Protein backbone atom coordinates (compact mmCIF):
# COMPACT_ATOMS: atom_id res chain seq x y z
CA MET A 1 1.59 -59.41 12.68
CA SER A 2 4.28 -56.72 12.44
CA ILE A 3 4.31 -53.72 15.04
CA ASP A 4 3.66 -51.35 11.84
CA LYS A 5 0.44 -53.10 10.90
CA GLN A 6 -0.79 -53.27 14.73
CA LEU A 7 0.03 -49.54 15.24
CA ASN A 8 -1.65 -48.73 11.98
CA ARG A 9 -4.73 -50.60 13.30
CA CYS A 10 -4.50 -48.69 16.54
CA SER A 11 -4.40 -45.52 14.68
CA LYS A 12 -7.41 -46.37 12.62
CA ASN A 13 -9.49 -47.37 15.73
CA GLN A 14 -8.16 -44.35 17.81
CA ASP A 15 -6.78 -47.05 20.22
CA CYS A 16 -4.52 -45.16 22.78
CA LEU A 17 -4.33 -48.08 25.14
CA GLY A 18 -3.45 -50.55 22.44
CA ALA A 19 -0.74 -48.04 21.10
CA LEU A 20 0.69 -47.60 24.58
CA SER A 21 1.07 -51.51 24.99
CA PHE A 22 3.84 -51.39 22.53
CA TYR A 23 5.79 -48.39 24.08
CA LYS A 24 9.22 -48.82 25.43
CA PRO A 25 12.28 -46.65 25.06
CA ASP A 26 14.30 -48.99 22.87
CA LEU A 27 11.67 -49.05 19.88
CA LYS A 28 12.66 -47.78 16.42
CA ILE A 29 12.06 -43.97 16.40
CA LYS A 30 9.45 -44.34 13.72
CA HIS A 31 7.29 -46.46 16.21
CA ILE A 32 7.80 -44.17 18.88
CA ASN A 33 6.68 -41.44 16.60
CA MET A 34 3.56 -43.52 15.46
CA ILE A 35 2.68 -44.21 18.94
CA ILE A 36 3.04 -40.41 20.17
CA GLY A 37 1.11 -39.31 17.27
CA ILE A 38 -1.83 -41.73 17.96
CA LEU A 39 -1.83 -40.36 21.44
CA SER A 40 -1.66 -36.76 20.23
CA ASN A 41 -4.76 -37.26 18.03
CA ASN A 42 -6.88 -39.05 20.22
CA MET A 43 -5.89 -39.22 23.84
CA PRO A 44 -8.60 -37.85 26.37
CA ILE A 45 -7.04 -35.52 28.75
CA ASP A 46 -8.63 -37.24 31.96
CA LEU A 47 -7.67 -40.79 30.63
CA GLU A 48 -5.70 -42.60 33.41
CA ILE A 49 -3.37 -45.08 32.09
CA PRO A 50 -1.45 -47.47 34.70
CA HIS A 51 2.37 -47.37 34.29
CA PHE A 52 2.36 -44.59 31.87
CA SER A 53 3.96 -41.20 32.61
CA ILE A 54 3.86 -38.21 30.13
CA THR A 55 6.96 -37.02 32.01
CA GLN A 56 8.94 -40.15 31.23
CA VAL A 57 7.89 -39.86 27.53
CA LYS A 58 8.94 -36.31 27.36
CA ASN A 59 12.35 -37.10 29.13
CA HIS A 60 12.89 -40.03 26.80
CA VAL A 61 12.17 -37.83 23.55
CA VAL A 62 14.62 -35.19 24.75
CA THR A 63 17.36 -37.52 25.80
CA ASN A 64 16.88 -39.78 22.93
CA PRO A 65 19.53 -38.97 20.21
CA LYS A 66 17.54 -40.62 17.33
CA SER A 67 14.53 -38.13 18.15
CA ASN A 68 13.85 -36.29 15.00
CA ASN A 69 11.44 -33.26 13.90
CA ILE A 70 8.69 -35.60 13.62
CA THR A 71 9.05 -36.98 17.31
CA TYR A 72 8.94 -33.28 18.69
CA GLU A 73 5.94 -32.23 16.41
CA CYS A 74 4.14 -35.25 17.76
CA LEU A 75 5.22 -34.51 21.23
CA ILE A 76 4.36 -30.90 21.29
CA LYS A 77 0.84 -31.67 19.97
CA LEU A 78 0.29 -34.25 22.70
CA LEU A 79 1.65 -31.82 25.33
CA CYS A 80 -0.83 -29.10 24.02
CA ARG A 81 -3.89 -31.77 24.21
CA LEU A 82 -3.09 -32.69 27.72
CA ASP A 83 -2.63 -29.02 28.72
CA LYS A 84 1.05 -29.68 30.09
CA HIS A 85 2.04 -26.03 30.17
CA GLN A 86 5.41 -26.25 31.80
CA TYR A 87 6.47 -29.15 29.68
CA LEU A 88 5.68 -27.11 26.58
CA LEU A 89 8.02 -24.47 27.98
CA ASP A 90 10.75 -27.07 28.53
CA ILE A 91 10.42 -28.45 25.04
CA MET A 92 10.47 -24.90 23.55
CA GLU A 93 13.74 -24.09 25.44
CA HIS A 94 15.21 -27.25 24.30
CA ILE A 95 14.46 -27.02 20.62
CA GLU A 96 15.70 -23.41 20.71
CA ASN A 97 19.00 -24.28 22.58
CA GLU A 98 19.65 -27.44 20.39
CA ASN A 99 18.56 -25.61 17.08
CA ILE A 100 16.09 -28.27 16.32
CA ILE A 101 14.35 -27.30 13.22
CA LEU A 102 10.43 -28.24 12.92
CA LYS A 103 7.93 -27.74 10.35
CA LEU A 104 4.82 -25.48 10.82
CA ARG A 105 2.87 -28.32 12.18
CA GLY A 106 5.16 -28.21 15.21
CA TYR A 107 4.64 -24.68 15.98
CA SER A 108 0.92 -24.24 14.88
CA PRO A 109 -0.41 -26.21 17.81
CA MET A 110 1.33 -24.15 20.41
CA ILE A 111 0.01 -20.82 18.76
CA ALA A 112 -3.41 -22.18 19.24
CA TYR A 113 -2.58 -23.43 22.80
CA PHE A 114 -1.32 -20.18 23.92
CA ILE A 115 -3.94 -18.15 22.53
CA TYR A 116 -6.96 -20.10 23.40
CA HIS A 117 -5.94 -21.80 26.57
CA LYS A 118 -3.47 -19.58 28.38
CA GLN A 119 -4.18 -16.20 26.69
CA ASP A 120 -0.34 -15.85 26.75
CA TYR A 121 0.07 -13.63 23.79
CA ASP A 122 3.40 -12.69 24.64
CA LYS A 123 4.32 -16.24 24.24
CA THR A 124 2.50 -16.68 21.03
CA PHE A 125 4.60 -13.83 19.25
CA TYR A 126 7.74 -15.34 20.95
CA ILE A 127 7.11 -18.57 18.94
CA TYR A 128 6.52 -16.72 15.74
CA ASP A 129 9.63 -14.42 16.22
CA ASN A 130 12.13 -17.05 17.33
CA PHE A 131 10.83 -19.83 15.34
CA ILE A 132 8.68 -19.37 12.46
CA LYS A 133 9.89 -16.10 11.19
CA LYS A 134 13.42 -16.92 12.00
CA GLN A 135 13.37 -20.05 10.02
CA GLU A 136 11.51 -18.62 7.24
CA ILE A 137 8.44 -20.65 7.62
CA GLU A 138 5.38 -19.61 5.88
CA ILE A 139 2.24 -19.76 8.10
CA THR A 140 -1.20 -20.19 6.51
CA GLU A 141 -4.40 -18.65 6.88
CA LYS A 142 -5.39 -21.15 9.78
CA GLU A 143 -2.63 -19.57 12.03
CA LEU A 144 -3.70 -15.97 10.97
CA THR A 145 -7.25 -17.07 11.87
CA TYR A 146 -5.94 -17.96 15.64
CA LEU A 147 -4.15 -14.62 15.74
CA LEU A 148 -7.26 -12.69 14.86
CA ASP A 149 -8.77 -14.30 17.93
CA ILE A 150 -6.49 -12.36 20.23
CA ASP A 151 -8.90 -9.98 22.13
CA ASN A 152 -6.34 -7.36 22.91
CA ASP A 153 -5.78 -4.01 21.16
CA HIS A 154 -2.28 -4.03 22.42
CA TYR A 155 -1.31 -6.73 19.56
CA ILE A 156 -2.95 -5.04 16.59
CA ASP A 157 0.11 -3.80 15.15
CA ARG A 158 1.80 -7.14 15.70
CA ILE A 159 -0.83 -8.92 13.77
CA PHE A 160 -0.55 -6.47 10.90
CA GLY A 161 3.06 -7.01 11.00
CA ILE A 162 2.47 -10.82 10.45
CA ILE A 163 -0.11 -9.94 7.65
CA GLY A 164 2.81 -7.98 6.19
CA ASP A 165 5.09 -11.00 6.19
CA MET A 166 2.54 -13.23 4.64
CA SER A 167 1.89 -10.82 1.84
CA GLN A 168 5.43 -11.79 0.65
CA TYR A 169 4.26 -15.41 -0.39
CA LEU A 170 0.48 -14.99 -0.05
CA TYR A 171 -0.70 -12.16 -2.27
CA GLN A 172 -4.49 -12.79 -1.90
CA PHE A 173 -6.49 -14.07 0.84
CA THR A 174 -9.45 -16.16 0.40
CA GLU A 175 -13.03 -14.46 0.37
CA ASP A 176 -13.77 -16.14 3.82
CA LEU A 177 -10.65 -14.92 5.38
CA ASN A 178 -11.09 -11.29 4.00
CA GLN A 179 -14.39 -11.31 5.60
CA ARG A 180 -12.90 -12.60 8.91
CA ILE A 181 -10.34 -9.73 8.93
CA ILE A 182 -13.19 -7.23 8.26
CA ASP A 183 -15.20 -8.78 11.39
CA TRP A 184 -11.75 -8.37 13.39
CA GLY A 185 -11.24 -4.84 12.18
CA VAL A 186 -14.76 -3.99 13.24
CA SER A 187 -14.45 -5.56 16.72
CA ARG A 188 -11.39 -3.73 17.06
CA LYS A 189 -12.89 -0.62 16.21
CA LEU A 190 -10.64 0.11 12.85
CA ARG A 191 -11.53 2.16 10.01
CA ILE A 192 -12.47 -0.09 7.14
CA ASN A 193 -13.41 1.11 3.53
CA ASN A 194 -14.39 -0.62 0.36
CA TYR A 195 -12.61 0.92 -2.69
CA HIS A 196 -12.98 0.20 -6.30
CA TYR A 197 -10.16 0.60 -8.79
CA ASP A 198 -9.64 0.81 -12.71
CA LYS A 199 -8.35 -2.67 -13.25
CA TYR A 200 -6.23 -1.16 -16.13
CA ASN A 201 -4.48 1.53 -14.36
CA GLY A 202 -5.12 1.13 -10.58
CA LYS A 203 -6.61 4.43 -10.28
CA CYS A 204 -9.08 4.60 -7.34
CA LEU A 205 -12.59 5.41 -8.39
CA GLU A 206 -13.41 6.91 -4.96
CA ASN A 207 -10.18 8.91 -4.80
CA GLU A 208 -8.67 10.12 -7.85
CA ASN A 209 -5.23 11.02 -6.14
CA TYR A 210 -4.75 7.46 -5.10
CA PHE A 211 -3.23 4.61 -7.52
CA LEU A 212 -2.29 1.06 -6.37
CA ASN A 213 1.28 0.33 -6.94
CA GLU A 214 3.37 -1.97 -8.89
CA LEU A 215 5.56 -3.80 -6.36
CA LYS A 216 8.69 -4.87 -8.11
CA LEU A 217 11.20 -7.51 -7.13
CA LEU A 218 14.29 -5.78 -5.57
CA ASP A 219 17.52 -6.33 -7.83
CA ILE A 220 19.21 -7.98 -4.66
CA ASP A 221 16.41 -10.54 -4.74
CA ARG A 222 16.42 -11.06 -8.44
CA ASN A 223 20.27 -11.65 -8.34
CA GLN A 224 19.59 -14.09 -5.36
CA ILE A 225 17.43 -16.07 -7.79
CA LEU A 226 20.02 -15.92 -10.47
CA LYS A 227 22.67 -17.44 -8.22
CA GLN A 228 20.46 -20.24 -7.13
CA ILE A 229 20.15 -21.09 -10.91
CA ILE A 230 23.88 -20.59 -11.48
CA ASN A 231 24.86 -23.02 -8.68
CA HIS A 232 22.28 -25.58 -9.84
CA HIS A 233 24.00 -25.72 -13.10
CA LYS A 234 27.55 -24.57 -12.29
CA THR A 235 29.09 -27.78 -13.73
CA ASN A 236 27.10 -27.53 -17.01
CA LYS A 237 29.50 -26.05 -19.68
CA GLU A 238 26.68 -25.32 -22.24
CA PHE A 239 24.55 -23.32 -19.57
CA GLN A 240 27.58 -21.36 -18.43
CA SER A 241 28.10 -20.50 -22.20
CA PHE A 242 24.53 -19.42 -22.43
CA ILE A 243 25.09 -17.39 -19.44
CA GLN A 244 28.12 -15.49 -21.28
CA LYS A 245 26.05 -15.24 -24.48
CA ILE A 246 22.83 -13.63 -22.84
CA LYS A 247 24.91 -10.86 -21.22
CA LYS A 248 25.62 -9.59 -24.56
CA LYS A 249 22.04 -9.53 -25.95
CA ASN A 250 19.51 -6.83 -25.17
CA ILE A 251 16.30 -9.22 -25.25
CA ASP A 252 13.14 -7.80 -23.57
CA VAL A 253 10.83 -10.79 -24.33
CA HIS A 254 11.66 -14.48 -23.96
CA ILE A 255 9.49 -16.81 -25.93
CA ASP A 256 8.77 -20.28 -24.38
CA GLY A 257 8.77 -21.99 -27.82
CA ALA A 258 7.63 -25.46 -27.08
CA ASN A 259 4.69 -24.07 -24.74
CA ILE A 260 3.39 -22.02 -27.71
CA GLY A 261 4.08 -24.61 -30.20
CA TYR A 262 2.13 -27.19 -28.44
CA TYR A 263 -0.68 -24.90 -27.49
CA ASN A 264 -4.15 -26.52 -28.35
CA LYS A 265 -2.25 -29.69 -29.64
CA ARG A 266 -2.62 -33.29 -28.33
CA VAL A 267 0.79 -34.83 -28.04
CA ASP A 268 -0.95 -38.02 -26.89
CA LYS A 269 -2.71 -38.16 -30.26
CA GLY A 270 0.46 -37.69 -32.14
CA ASP A 271 0.32 -33.99 -32.78
CA LYS A 272 3.42 -32.04 -33.55
CA LEU A 273 4.89 -28.79 -32.49
CA SER A 274 3.46 -25.88 -34.55
CA TYR A 275 6.22 -23.58 -35.79
CA HIS A 276 3.55 -21.40 -37.25
CA GLN A 277 2.03 -20.65 -33.72
CA ILE A 278 5.43 -19.62 -32.29
CA ASP A 279 5.89 -17.31 -35.26
CA VAL A 280 2.62 -15.73 -34.85
CA VAL A 281 3.45 -14.69 -31.27
CA LEU A 282 6.87 -13.68 -32.53
CA GLU A 283 5.47 -11.31 -35.07
CA ARG A 284 3.08 -9.91 -32.28
CA CYS A 285 6.07 -9.03 -30.28
CA LEU A 286 7.86 -7.36 -33.15
CA SER A 287 4.99 -5.27 -34.10
CA MET A 288 4.98 -4.03 -30.51
CA GLY A 289 8.83 -2.84 -30.86
CA LYS A 290 9.98 -5.86 -28.55
CA LYS A 291 13.40 -7.46 -29.05
CA PRO A 292 12.32 -11.17 -28.59
CA LEU A 293 14.28 -14.47 -28.41
CA ILE A 294 12.71 -17.82 -28.98
CA TYR A 295 13.73 -21.10 -26.91
CA LEU A 296 13.48 -24.16 -28.38
CA HIS A 297 15.05 -27.63 -27.57
CA VAL A 298 17.25 -28.97 -30.00
CA ARG A 299 15.01 -32.03 -30.85
CA HIS A 300 12.69 -29.38 -32.42
CA TYR A 301 15.55 -28.11 -34.57
CA ASN A 302 15.30 -28.54 -38.38
CA ASN A 303 17.78 -26.58 -40.44
CA THR A 304 15.45 -27.01 -43.45
CA ASN A 305 12.36 -25.65 -41.88
CA ASP A 306 11.36 -22.22 -43.33
CA TYR A 307 10.40 -20.80 -39.85
CA ILE A 308 13.96 -22.07 -38.27
CA LYS A 309 15.59 -20.27 -41.47
CA LYS A 310 13.56 -17.08 -40.79
CA TRP A 311 14.47 -17.08 -36.99
CA ASN A 312 18.10 -17.77 -37.54
CA LYS A 313 18.54 -15.13 -39.90
CA MET A 314 16.70 -12.75 -37.36
CA LYS A 315 19.01 -14.12 -34.66
CA ALA A 316 15.88 -14.65 -32.66
CA LEU A 317 16.42 -18.25 -31.98
CA TYR A 318 18.23 -20.15 -29.14
CA ILE A 319 18.59 -23.84 -29.43
CA THR A 320 18.81 -25.53 -25.81
CA PRO A 321 20.93 -28.76 -25.57
CA ILE A 322 20.06 -32.40 -24.87
CA GLY A 323 19.68 -33.46 -21.21
CA MET A 324 18.58 -30.05 -20.23
CA ASP A 325 15.04 -28.48 -19.64
CA ASP A 326 14.67 -25.41 -21.77
CA ASP A 327 12.65 -23.84 -18.90
CA TRP A 328 16.05 -22.99 -17.19
CA PHE A 329 17.29 -21.01 -20.15
CA TRP A 330 14.38 -18.55 -20.66
CA LEU A 331 13.98 -18.46 -16.95
CA TYR A 332 17.61 -17.29 -16.48
CA GLY A 333 17.44 -15.05 -19.65
CA CYS A 334 14.38 -13.31 -18.39
CA LEU A 335 15.83 -12.91 -14.92
CA SER A 336 19.21 -11.52 -16.19
CA LYS A 337 17.49 -8.03 -17.21
CA SER A 338 14.93 -6.34 -14.72
CA TYR A 339 13.04 -5.23 -17.66
CA SER A 340 12.46 -8.45 -19.31
CA SER A 341 9.38 -10.65 -19.63
CA VAL A 342 8.66 -14.08 -20.49
CA ILE A 343 5.66 -15.26 -22.85
CA THR A 344 4.43 -18.62 -21.59
CA ASN A 345 1.13 -20.30 -20.16
CA ASP A 346 3.38 -22.46 -18.08
CA LEU A 347 2.15 -22.28 -14.40
CA MET A 348 5.86 -23.14 -13.26
CA ARG A 349 4.85 -25.61 -10.74
CA ASP A 350 7.37 -28.30 -12.01
CA HIS A 351 9.89 -29.68 -9.47
CA HIS A 352 12.69 -27.69 -10.79
CA PHE A 353 11.04 -24.40 -10.09
CA THR A 354 10.54 -25.36 -6.48
CA LEU A 355 14.34 -25.32 -6.19
CA LEU A 356 14.30 -21.63 -6.21
CA SER A 357 13.31 -19.19 -3.31
CA LYS A 358 9.51 -19.28 -3.30
CA ARG A 359 8.84 -15.68 -1.90
CA ARG A 360 11.26 -14.23 -4.54
CA PHE A 361 9.97 -16.23 -7.40
CA ILE A 362 6.35 -15.78 -7.12
CA GLN A 363 6.95 -12.01 -6.84
CA TRP A 364 9.17 -12.05 -9.96
CA LYS A 365 6.49 -14.22 -11.66
CA GLU A 366 3.64 -11.75 -10.88
CA ARG A 367 5.43 -9.01 -12.59
CA HIS A 368 7.28 -10.60 -15.44
CA CYS A 369 5.27 -13.51 -16.70
CA CYS A 370 2.76 -12.78 -19.82
CA SER A 371 0.31 -15.38 -20.87
CA PHE A 372 -0.89 -15.62 -24.46
CA ASP A 373 -3.73 -16.78 -26.53
CA LEU A 374 -4.35 -17.70 -30.16
CA THR A 375 -7.47 -17.20 -32.26
CA TYR A 376 -8.49 -19.20 -35.35
CA PRO A 377 -10.38 -18.31 -38.59
CA LYS A 378 -12.95 -21.19 -38.42
CA ASN A 379 -14.96 -21.75 -35.09
CA THR A 380 -16.52 -24.84 -36.45
CA LEU A 381 -13.15 -26.75 -36.86
CA SER A 382 -11.14 -28.22 -33.90
CA LYS A 383 -8.08 -25.84 -32.92
CA ARG A 384 -6.00 -28.74 -33.13
CA PHE A 385 -6.15 -28.80 -37.02
CA GLN A 386 -6.06 -25.18 -37.92
CA LYS A 387 -3.24 -22.38 -38.16
CA PRO A 388 -4.07 -19.44 -36.03
CA ASN A 389 -4.41 -15.91 -37.56
CA ASN A 390 -4.43 -13.84 -34.61
CA SER A 391 -2.49 -13.78 -31.21
CA SER A 392 -3.00 -11.93 -28.08
CA ILE A 393 -0.57 -11.35 -25.25
CA ARG A 394 -1.67 -10.57 -21.72
CA TYR A 395 0.69 -8.38 -19.92
CA PRO A 396 0.60 -8.22 -16.16
CA LEU A 397 -1.68 -5.44 -14.67
CA SER A 398 -0.13 -1.97 -14.34
CA TYR A 399 -0.19 -2.32 -10.40
CA SER A 400 0.40 -5.49 -8.45
CA ASN A 401 -2.84 -7.33 -7.53
CA ARG A 402 -1.54 -8.27 -4.07
CA ILE A 403 -1.76 -7.01 -0.37
CA GLN A 404 -0.30 -3.38 -0.13
CA TYR A 405 0.53 -1.10 2.82
CA ASP A 406 0.21 2.95 2.37
CA THR A 407 3.14 4.08 4.77
CA ASN A 408 1.98 7.67 4.61
CA ASN A 409 -1.54 7.02 5.80
CA CYS A 410 -1.00 3.58 7.58
CA ILE A 411 -3.43 1.89 5.52
CA TRP A 412 -3.55 -1.75 4.54
CA TYR A 413 -5.30 -2.59 1.11
CA PHE A 414 -6.53 -6.20 0.51
CA PRO A 415 -7.41 -7.31 -3.00
CA THR A 416 -10.63 -9.55 -3.23
CA ASP A 417 -11.99 -12.19 -5.84
CA ASN A 418 -13.37 -9.05 -7.65
CA ASP A 419 -10.51 -7.53 -9.64
CA SER A 420 -11.68 -3.87 -9.00
CA HIS A 421 -12.98 -4.18 -5.33
CA TRP A 422 -10.55 -3.84 -2.59
CA ILE A 423 -10.74 -3.64 1.25
CA SER A 424 -8.78 -1.11 3.18
CA ILE A 425 -7.98 -1.07 7.09
CA LYS A 426 -6.46 1.70 8.74
CA THR A 427 -4.12 0.83 11.76
CA ILE A 428 -4.03 2.58 15.05
CA ASN A 429 -0.24 2.92 15.30
CA HIS A 430 1.55 4.81 12.86
CA ASN A 431 4.53 2.76 13.41
CA THR A 432 3.48 -0.56 12.11
CA ASN A 433 6.63 -2.47 11.42
CA THR A 434 6.30 -4.82 8.49
CA ASN A 435 8.87 -6.24 5.97
CA THR A 436 6.17 -6.04 3.09
CA ASN A 437 6.80 -3.87 -0.08
CA THR A 438 4.95 -0.75 0.63
CA ASN A 439 3.24 2.07 -1.24
CA THR A 440 4.72 5.42 -0.03
CA ASN A 441 2.97 7.78 -2.72
CA THR A 442 -0.71 8.39 -2.84
CA ASN A 443 -0.66 11.51 -4.99
CA THR A 444 0.69 10.05 -8.30
CA ASN A 445 0.68 6.77 -9.96
CA THR A 446 4.36 5.92 -9.63
CA ASN A 447 4.21 3.04 -12.24
CA THR A 448 6.03 3.40 -15.19
CA ASN A 449 5.06 0.21 -17.03
CA THR A 450 3.32 1.17 -20.03
CA ASN A 451 2.17 -2.59 -20.78
CA THR A 452 -1.34 -3.16 -19.66
CA ASN A 453 -3.52 -6.21 -19.59
CA THR A 454 -5.10 -5.74 -22.82
CA ASN A 455 -5.47 -8.31 -25.66
CA THR A 456 -3.53 -7.08 -29.04
CA ASN A 457 -4.11 -8.69 -32.01
CA ASN A 458 -1.79 -9.70 -34.92
CA ASN A 459 -3.35 -10.53 -38.26
CA ASN A 460 -1.07 -12.89 -40.17
């Protein structure tokens, strides 16, 4: 039986002694990782093993040039399990000096260890500042839950600062975590209130002078996403040509033609793209005074099609080439103007979207992506076989449905699962340091976007 199969059996059976029987310094690094991983998950702190020394394992990992991030992550978890405080400090110094990049799974056990076992909160925030934040790693609700267990008012503002960092990529916490934050705020004697807002204009129902803000993506961040897209296609002449063309156009709505054309269709059943559905949405945009542009892949182009003729005459159609995903074109087109929106029901989870900066991308998506729906004349007939007679476009809310911070009054606002219900927590220190987008105006509604989340119908 191969060593891989035997170690897999040890892992399944939680057999630490069996795994250690294979340990020797000249093993392949993947087998060393497996052994340390088995120990880190199962080894009792009081287990005495002849001829085994955690010191030797630690030294071997540090001196082995083949040790990788998985090796260090497994070792850190093991050291936390065995309460090897000084060894952990040694490893922290080593990975910092050698600029070794770990994933969150390498830092999360240390955060829990220093909070729950050592109450060394300064070391906890050192890990966050010098490893997690520096490497732009996104912590999860699990790590925040650890931080909320810090029983010391001195660190309240530090915790709020991390909540601010999280708000850049995690716009809304789960109901359980919201309740956990409320409980933490109560335990720290912070002022907590429940507020209700008009979900269409963001106006506070308990305080007419306060409005939730629209938190826009900064131009510098939008340009950074554009640069990423350009670099990804820098050798593609057709895309470079598109970039020059779109600069000269004043488009404020970009239409994902294929996404709309295949809406309620079954491609697996042989359904074809519906040009009529695209035209319904186009007409809705025109009735609103918009300047739309439809994006369609060349495989859908037919110059004898009446809709194609109409769109060409209007100069409202862009055909994307063979060998390229049309998503890149409408995405770049929309990003190229700060006021542009895209109409699509695409959730944008495909692999190519992951190539972009996650924090910047989701912030842009929240403010610029409009979903749509189509209505049909007959409720008794499958939508697959009908032509829609109405369209509705759902623009983003007039405010950002995400964690917000009021710098004037030092108050954090947390959205809940109920669109109109928000939780507020007032901080103690008026110098809360956070990088999150902030709301600095509590007297007027600073949102100038006139589009609201209403369904507007177009009868054809």
